Amino acid sequence: MFILIVFSCLSSRGILGPNASDMLVVFALCYVVGQLSRTLSYSR
């Protein structure tokens, strides 16, 4: 969510904001990191 807020602030200053595929990649990476951290913390 923080990344999307930063992108929207940057796009209001003239820098290109993310499109739908960029946001999908960000959400997918966050999901993978969350799953890995959950798996590692519960496997100990």
Protein backbone atom coordinates (compact mmCIF):
# COMPACT_ATOMS: atom_id res chain seq x y z
CA MET A 1 0.00 0.00 0.00
CA PHE A 2 2.88 2.34 0.83
CA ILE A 3 4.40 1.77 -2.61
CA LEU A 4 1.14 2.71 -4.32
CA ILE A 5 0.88 5.91 -2.27
CA VAL A 6 4.43 6.86 -3.24
CA PHE A 7 3.70 6.14 -6.91
CA SER A 8 0.56 8.29 -6.81
CA CYS A 9 2.46 11.17 -5.18
CA LEU A 10 5.17 10.93 -7.83
CA SER A 11 2.64 10.83 -10.64
CA SER A 12 1.11 14.08 -9.40
CA ARG A 13 4.55 15.67 -9.85
CA GLY A 14 4.88 14.60 -13.46
CA ILE A 15 6.63 11.26 -13.09
CA LEU A 16 4.81 8.39 -14.75
CA GLY A 17 2.73 6.39 -12.32
CA PRO A 18 2.19 2.65 -12.32
CA ASN A 19 -0.25 1.00 -14.65
CA ALA A 20 -2.32 -2.07 -13.82
CA SER A 21 0.41 -4.57 -14.66
CA ASP A 22 2.93 -2.73 -12.45
CA MET A 23 0.53 -2.86 -9.52
CA LEU A 24 -0.12 -6.55 -10.13
CA VAL A 25 3.62 -7.25 -9.96
CA VAL A 26 3.92 -5.29 -6.71
CA PHE A 27 1.02 -7.16 -5.12
CA ALA A 28 2.35 -10.52 -6.34
CA LEU A 29 5.81 -9.82 -4.88
CA CYS A 30 4.31 -8.74 -1.56
CA TYR A 31 2.21 -11.91 -1.49
CA VAL A 32 5.25 -14.12 -2.14
CA VAL A 33 7.31 -12.35 0.53
CA GLY A 34 4.45 -12.71 3.01
CA GLN A 35 4.04 -16.40 2.28
CA LEU A 36 7.77 -17.04 2.61
CA SER A 37 8.02 -15.17 5.90
CA ARG A 38 4.97 -17.01 7.26
CA THR A 39 6.37 -20.37 6.21
CA LEU A 40 9.78 -19.66 7.70
CA SER A 41 8.39 -18.35 11.00
CA TYR A 42 6.05 -21.31 11.52
CA SER A 43 8.54 -23.97 10.47
CA ARG A 44 10.86 -23.19 13.39
